Amino acid sequence: MKNYMGRALLVAAILATPLMAQSKTAAAPTSGLEVAIVYDASRADGTSFWQQGGSVQLEGRFWRGLGAVADIGGLHTGNMHGSGVGLDMVTATFGPRYSYPLRRRPYSIYGQVLAGEANGFNSAFPGKNGVQTVANSLALLAGGGVNLHLKNHLSARLVEVDWLRTQVPNGSDNVQNDLRLGAGLVWRFK
């Protein structure tokens, strides 16, 4: 897990550095309601497979960049570890997000810590009562990203880097620490 978190922070820093060097003057608003549609890719902890999918995020900012966000995401792979067994995962997480617009720049950065539920299906989840095709667990999502303000009500989510922790049965420690990367579009409503 430490290895993925370090890599995620390094990638975010590398991507954010050239963005901060530009000299546009528009800044993203610090309050309002936002809806984001994001393409996600998730690398499973210590394994060689990626899941792909997307998420919908609904954020309400209410005080100086502080807000609440709901993230509903879905990920899929057709072949875990070369086994021919697929995995579909839907997560529903909620929690606080802090967004900070960079002065005299069209960028804003944000960080978030969310908790909720993960639902795995169309796979094999070994447990005490045998192998199940469906499993549920706690889901934790922590990370952040960079948005580029394009027009009055439209932004591009340039990058989102998150640590996704789930606890579905896996035949060993029943813990998954995944790196989730995303990019997409954000619509703002006042």
C-alpha atoms as a PDB file:
ATOM      1  CA  MET A   1       0.000   0.000   0.000  1.00  0.00           C
ATOM      2  CA  LYS A   2       2.789   2.465   0.881  1.00  0.00           C
ATOM      3  CA  ASN A   3       4.361   1.873  -2.521  1.00  0.00           C
ATOM      4  CA  TYR A   4       1.110   2.759  -4.359  1.00  0.00           C
ATOM      5  CA  MET A   5       0.440   5.835  -2.212  1.00  0.00           C
ATOM      6  CA  GLY A   6       3.950   7.142  -2.864  1.00  0.00           C
ATOM      7  CA  ARG A   7       3.584   6.576  -6.591  1.00  0.00           C
ATOM      8  CA  ALA A   8       0.158   8.220  -6.614  1.00  0.00           C
ATOM      9  CA  LEU A   9       1.483  11.327  -4.862  1.00  0.00           C
ATOM     10  CA  LEU A  10       4.466  11.482  -7.225  1.00  0.00           C
ATOM     11  CA  VAL A  11       2.215  11.258 -10.310  1.00  0.00           C
ATOM     12  CA  ALA A  12      -0.083  13.980  -8.934  1.00  0.00           C
ATOM     13  CA  ALA A  13       2.877  16.270  -8.203  1.00  0.00           C
ATOM     14  CA  ILE A  14       4.398  15.737 -11.665  1.00  0.00           C
ATOM     15  CA  LEU A  15       1.091  16.446 -13.396  1.00  0.00           C
ATOM     16  CA  ALA A  16       0.292  19.474 -11.234  1.00  0.00           C
ATOM     17  CA  THR A  17       3.666  21.243 -11.640  1.00  0.00           C
ATOM     18  CA  PRO A  18       3.306  22.341 -15.302  1.00  0.00           C
ATOM     19  CA  LEU A  19      -0.313  23.272 -14.675  1.00  0.00           C
ATOM     20  CA  MET A  20       0.649  25.748 -11.968  1.00  0.00           C
ATOM     21  CA  ALA A  21       3.221  27.402 -14.253  1.00  0.00           C
ATOM     22  CA  GLN A  22       0.649  28.708 -16.757  1.00  0.00           C
ATOM     23  CA  SER A  23      -0.529  32.312 -16.502  1.00  0.00           C
ATOM     24  CA  LYS A  24      -4.272  32.418 -17.173  1.00  0.00           C
ATOM     25  CA  THR A  25      -6.315  34.508 -14.761  1.00  0.00           C
ATOM     26  CA  ALA A  26      -9.654  32.663 -14.431  1.00  0.00           C
ATOM     27  CA  ALA A  27     -10.250  30.844 -11.169  1.00  0.00           C
ATOM     28  CA  ALA A  28     -12.750  28.158 -10.351  1.00  0.00           C
ATOM     29  CA  PRO A  29     -15.648  29.104  -8.038  1.00  0.00           C
ATOM     30  CA  THR A  30     -15.408  28.068  -4.392  1.00  0.00           C
ATOM     31  CA  SER A  31     -19.085  27.205  -3.829  1.00  0.00           C
ATOM     32  CA  GLY A  32     -22.024  25.571  -5.590  1.00  0.00           C
ATOM     33  CA  LEU A  33     -23.164  22.168  -6.823  1.00  0.00           C
ATOM     34  CA  GLU A  34     -21.013  20.096  -9.196  1.00  0.00           C
ATOM     35  CA  VAL A  35     -21.570  16.877 -11.127  1.00  0.00           C
ATOM     36  CA  ALA A  36     -18.565  15.008 -12.530  1.00  0.00           C
ATOM     37  CA  ILE A  37     -18.473  12.135 -15.025  1.00  0.00           C
ATOM     38  CA  VAL A  38     -15.116  10.382 -14.693  1.00  0.00           C
ATOM     39  CA  TYR A  39     -13.356   7.536 -16.529  1.00  0.00           C
ATOM     40  CA  ASP A  40     -11.576   5.351 -13.944  1.00  0.00           C
ATOM     41  CA  ALA A  41      -8.844   2.738 -14.133  1.00  0.00           C
ATOM     42  CA  SER A  42      -7.872   0.800 -11.022  1.00  0.00           C
ATOM     43  CA  ARG A  43      -4.746  -1.265 -10.437  1.00  0.00           C
ATOM     44  CA  ALA A  44      -5.216  -4.081  -7.958  1.00  0.00           C
ATOM     45  CA  ASP A  45      -2.731  -4.112  -5.079  1.00  0.00           C
ATOM     46  CA  GLY A  46       0.282  -6.329  -5.708  1.00  0.00           C
ATOM     47  CA  THR A  47      -1.209  -7.885  -8.842  1.00  0.00           C
ATOM     48  CA  SER A  48      -0.915  -7.554 -12.569  1.00  0.00           C
ATOM     49  CA  PHE A  49      -4.473  -6.704 -13.561  1.00  0.00           C
ATOM     50  CA  TRP A  50      -6.334  -3.460 -14.116  1.00  0.00           C
ATOM     51  CA  GLN A  51     -10.033  -2.785 -13.875  1.00  0.00           C
ATOM     52  CA  GLN A  52     -11.714  -0.136 -16.011  1.00  0.00           C
ATOM     53  CA  GLY A  53     -14.949   1.738 -15.575  1.00  0.00           C
ATOM     54  CA  GLY A  54     -16.254   5.066 -14.444  1.00  0.00           C
ATOM     55  CA  SER A  55     -17.812   7.068 -11.684  1.00  0.00           C
ATOM     56  CA  VAL A  56     -20.356   9.788 -11.137  1.00  0.00           C
ATOM     57  CA  GLN A  57     -19.576  12.307  -8.427  1.00  0.00           C
ATOM     58  CA  LEU A  58     -21.994  14.801  -6.923  1.00  0.00           C
ATOM     59  CA  GLU A  59     -20.441  17.541  -4.810  1.00  0.00           C
ATOM     60  CA  GLY A  60     -22.052  20.359  -2.873  1.00  0.00           C
ATOM     61  CA  ARG A  61     -19.629  23.040  -1.693  1.00  0.00           C
ATOM     62  CA  PHE A  62     -21.020  25.123   1.111  1.00  0.00           C
ATOM     63  CA  TRP A  63     -18.247  27.027   2.909  1.00  0.00           C
ATOM     64  CA  ARG A  64     -14.878  28.285   1.632  1.00  0.00           C
ATOM     65  CA  GLY A  65     -14.159  25.268  -0.564  1.00  0.00           C
ATOM     66  CA  LEU A  66     -15.373  22.721   1.990  1.00  0.00           C
ATOM     67  CA  GLY A  67     -18.098  20.428   0.731  1.00  0.00           C
ATOM     68  CA  ALA A  68     -19.647  16.993   0.783  1.00  0.00           C
ATOM     69  CA  VAL A  69     -19.277  14.539  -2.088  1.00  0.00           C
ATOM     70  CA  ALA A  70     -20.964  11.299  -3.135  1.00  0.00           C
ATOM     71  CA  ASP A  71     -19.006   9.004  -5.477  1.00  0.00           C
ATOM     72  CA  ILE A  72     -20.727   6.088  -7.214  1.00  0.00           C
ATOM     73  CA  GLY A  73     -18.194   4.057  -9.211  1.00  0.00           C
ATOM     74  CA  GLY A  74     -18.158   0.869 -11.234  1.00  0.00           C
ATOM     75  CA  LEU A  75     -15.132  -1.165 -12.318  1.00  0.00           C
ATOM     76  CA  HIS A  76     -14.788  -4.306 -14.459  1.00  0.00           C
ATOM     77  CA  THR A  77     -12.178  -6.819 -15.530  1.00  0.00           C
ATOM     78  CA  GLY A  78     -12.825  -9.989 -17.475  1.00  0.00           C
ATOM     79  CA  ASN A  79      -9.700 -11.819 -16.351  1.00  0.00           C
ATOM     80  CA  MET A  80      -8.220 -11.517 -12.845  1.00  0.00           C
ATOM     81  CA  HIS A  81      -4.633 -12.732 -12.578  1.00  0.00           C
ATOM     82  CA  GLY A  82      -4.920 -14.605 -15.899  1.00  0.00           C
ATOM     83  CA  SER A  83      -7.411 -17.011 -14.293  1.00  0.00           C
ATOM     84  CA  GLY A  84     -10.277 -16.386 -16.702  1.00  0.00           C
ATOM     85  CA  VAL A  85     -12.428 -15.267 -13.745  1.00  0.00           C
ATOM     86  CA  GLY A  86     -13.835 -11.756 -14.037  1.00  0.00           C
ATOM     87  CA  LEU A  87     -14.684  -9.186 -11.405  1.00  0.00           C
ATOM     88  CA  ASP A  88     -17.268  -6.417 -11.345  1.00  0.00           C
ATOM     89  CA  MET A  89     -17.173  -3.931  -8.455  1.00  0.00           C
ATOM     90  CA  VAL A  90     -19.575  -1.096  -7.615  1.00  0.00           C
ATOM     91  CA  THR A  91     -18.675   1.314  -4.834  1.00  0.00           C
ATOM     92  CA  ALA A  92     -20.837   3.962  -3.182  1.00  0.00           C
ATOM     93  CA  THR A  93     -18.849   6.322  -0.960  1.00  0.00           C
ATOM     94  CA  PHE A  94     -19.627   9.627   0.760  1.00  0.00           C
ATOM     95  CA  GLY A  95     -17.654  12.179   2.743  1.00  0.00           C
ATOM     96  CA  PRO A  96     -15.917  15.557   2.878  1.00  0.00           C
ATOM     97  CA  ARG A  97     -13.916  17.204   0.091  1.00  0.00           C
ATOM     98  CA  TYR A  98     -11.867  20.378   0.297  1.00  0.00           C
ATOM     99  CA  SER A  99     -11.279  22.302  -2.949  1.00  0.00           C
ATOM    100  CA  TYR A 100      -8.778  25.116  -3.333  1.00  0.00           C
ATOM    101  CA  PRO A 101      -8.712  27.396  -6.403  1.00  0.00           C
ATOM    102  CA  LEU A 102      -5.205  28.495  -7.355  1.00  0.00           C
ATOM    103  CA  ARG A 103      -4.986  32.310  -7.443  1.00  0.00           C
ATOM    104  CA  ARG A 104      -4.821  33.861 -10.922  1.00  0.00           C
ATOM    105  CA  ARG A 105      -4.881  30.370 -12.428  1.00  0.00           C
ATOM    106  CA  PRO A 106      -7.732  28.430 -14.039  1.00  0.00           C
ATOM    107  CA  TYR A 107      -6.950  25.380 -11.875  1.00  0.00           C
ATOM    108  CA  SER A 108      -8.278  24.081  -8.621  1.00  0.00           C
ATOM    109  CA  ILE A 109      -6.981  21.213  -6.529  1.00  0.00           C
ATOM    110  CA  TYR A 110      -8.956  19.090  -4.100  1.00  0.00           C
ATOM    111  CA  GLY A 111      -8.550  16.372  -1.504  1.00  0.00           C
ATOM    112  CA  GLN A 112     -11.168  13.989  -0.150  1.00  0.00           C
ATOM    113  CA  VAL A 113     -11.753  11.177   2.330  1.00  0.00           C
ATOM    114  CA  LEU A 114     -14.840   9.033   1.628  1.00  0.00           C
ATOM    115  CA  ALA A 115     -16.360   5.903   3.154  1.00  0.00           C
ATOM    116  CA  GLY A 116     -19.171   3.603   2.075  1.00  0.00           C
ATOM    117  CA  GLU A 117     -19.824   0.170   0.616  1.00  0.00           C
ATOM    118  CA  ALA A 118     -18.281  -2.018  -2.075  1.00  0.00           C
ATOM    119  CA  ASN A 119     -20.350  -4.628  -3.917  1.00  0.00           C
ATOM    120  CA  GLY A 120     -18.436  -7.276  -5.863  1.00  0.00           C
ATOM    121  CA  PHE A 121     -20.236  -9.619  -8.268  1.00  0.00           C
ATOM    122  CA  ASN A 122     -19.728 -11.883 -11.300  1.00  0.00           C
ATOM    123  CA  SER A 123     -16.610 -13.305  -9.665  1.00  0.00           C
ATOM    124  CA  ALA A 124     -15.414 -15.917  -7.157  1.00  0.00           C
ATOM    125  CA  PHE A 125     -15.205 -14.864  -3.489  1.00  0.00           C
ATOM    126  CA  PRO A 126     -13.890 -17.724  -1.307  1.00  0.00           C
ATOM    127  CA  GLY A 127     -15.220 -17.748   2.253  1.00  0.00           C
ATOM    128  CA  LYS A 128     -16.107 -19.928   5.230  1.00  0.00           C
ATOM    129  CA  ASN A 129     -19.228 -21.246   3.490  1.00  0.00           C
ATOM    130  CA  GLY A 130     -17.546 -21.975   0.157  1.00  0.00           C
ATOM    131  CA  VAL A 131     -17.152 -19.810  -2.915  1.00  0.00           C
ATOM    132  CA  GLN A 132     -19.758 -17.105  -3.499  1.00  0.00           C
ATOM    133  CA  THR A 133     -20.357 -15.081  -6.671  1.00  0.00           C
ATOM    134  CA  VAL A 134     -21.378 -11.918  -4.751  1.00  0.00           C
ATOM    135  CA  ALA A 135     -19.702 -10.119  -1.835  1.00  0.00           C
ATOM    136  CA  ASN A 136     -20.138  -6.826   0.024  1.00  0.00           C
ATOM    137  CA  SER A 137     -17.691  -4.924   2.207  1.00  0.00           C
ATOM    138  CA  LEU A 138     -16.600  -1.586   3.573  1.00  0.00           C
ATOM    139  CA  ALA A 139     -15.061   0.774   0.987  1.00  0.00           C
ATOM    140  CA  LEU A 140     -12.675   3.613   1.796  1.00  0.00           C
ATOM    141  CA  LEU A 141     -11.608   6.134  -0.848  1.00  0.00           C
ATOM    142  CA  ALA A 142      -8.987   8.809  -0.161  1.00  0.00           C
ATOM    143  CA  GLY A 143      -7.138  11.026  -2.601  1.00  0.00           C
ATOM    144  CA  GLY A 144      -7.445  14.146  -4.672  1.00  0.00           C
ATOM    145  CA  GLY A 145      -7.151  15.725  -8.064  1.00  0.00           C
ATOM    146  CA  VAL A 146      -6.773  18.737 -10.329  1.00  0.00           C
ATOM    147  CA  ASN A 147      -9.563  20.480 -12.266  1.00  0.00           C
ATOM    148  CA  LEU A 148      -9.070  22.932 -15.145  1.00  0.00           C
ATOM    149  CA  HIS A 149     -11.797  25.610 -15.316  1.00  0.00           C
ATOM    150  CA  LEU A 150     -12.830  25.884 -18.998  1.00  0.00           C
ATOM    151  CA  LYS A 151     -16.009  28.003 -19.117  1.00  0.00           C
ATOM    152  CA  ASN A 152     -18.583  29.371 -16.694  1.00  0.00           C
ATOM    153  CA  HIS A 153     -20.137  25.992 -15.933  1.00  0.00           C
ATOM    154  CA  LEU A 154     -17.610  23.503 -17.323  1.00  0.00           C
ATOM    155  CA  SER A 155     -14.295  22.141 -16.055  1.00  0.00           C
ATOM    156  CA  ALA A 156     -12.037  19.277 -17.074  1.00  0.00           C
ATOM    157  CA  ARG A 157     -10.928  16.846 -14.410  1.00  0.00           C
ATOM    158  CA  LEU A 158      -7.309  16.518 -15.537  1.00  0.00           C
ATOM    159  CA  VAL A 159      -6.393  13.848 -13.012  1.00  0.00           C
ATOM    160  CA  GLU A 160      -7.808  12.187  -9.935  1.00  0.00           C
ATOM    161  CA  VAL A 161      -5.619   9.838  -7.906  1.00  0.00           C
ATOM    162  CA  ASP A 162      -7.248   7.774  -5.152  1.00  0.00           C
ATOM    163  CA  TRP A 163      -6.447   4.933  -2.798  1.00  0.00           C
ATOM    164  CA  LEU A 164      -9.402   2.516  -2.789  1.00  0.00           C
ATOM    165  CA  ARG A 165      -9.559  -0.002   0.061  1.00  0.00           C
ATOM    166  CA  THR A 166     -12.098  -2.823   0.041  1.00  0.00           C
ATOM    167  CA  GLN A 167     -12.439  -5.975   2.140  1.00  0.00           C
ATOM    168  CA  VAL A 168     -14.162  -8.558  -0.034  1.00  0.00           C
ATOM    169  CA  PRO A 169     -13.168 -12.226   0.479  1.00  0.00           C
ATOM    170  CA  ASN A 170     -10.099 -13.153  -1.550  1.00  0.00           C
ATOM    171  CA  GLY A 171      -8.829 -16.395  -0.042  1.00  0.00           C
ATOM    172  CA  SER A 172      -6.026 -14.792   1.963  1.00  0.00           C
ATOM    173  CA  ASP A 173      -6.260 -11.581   4.028  1.00  0.00           C
ATOM    174  CA  ASN A 174      -9.566 -10.303   2.534  1.00  0.00           C
ATOM    175  CA  VAL A 175      -8.121  -6.809   2.010  1.00  0.00           C
ATOM    176  CA  GLN A 176      -7.598  -4.961  -1.269  1.00  0.00           C
ATOM    177  CA  ASN A 177      -5.607  -1.715  -1.523  1.00  0.00           C
ATOM    178  CA  ASP A 178      -6.008  -0.409  -5.068  1.00  0.00           C
ATOM    179  CA  LEU A 179      -4.784   2.654  -6.943  1.00  0.00           C
ATOM    180  CA  ARG A 180      -7.635   4.363  -8.824  1.00  0.00           C
ATOM    181  CA  LEU A 181      -6.821   6.904 -11.530  1.00  0.00           C
ATOM    182  CA  GLY A 182      -9.431   9.047 -13.256  1.00  0.00           C
ATOM    183  CA  ALA A 183     -10.111  11.923 -15.658  1.00  0.00           C
ATOM    184  CA  GLY A 184     -13.341  13.460 -16.941  1.00  0.00           C
ATOM    185  CA  LEU A 185     -15.680  16.450 -17.124  1.00  0.00           C
ATOM    186  CA  VAL A 186     -17.282  18.537 -14.372  1.00  0.00           C
ATOM    187  CA  TRP A 187     -20.498  20.576 -14.709  1.00  0.00           C
ATOM    188  CA  ARG A 188     -21.199  23.320 -12.181  1.00  0.00           C
ATOM    189  CA  PHE A 189     -24.672  24.506 -11.171  1.00  0.00           C
ATOM    190  CA  LYS A 190     -25.198  27.650  -9.086  1.00  0.00           C
END
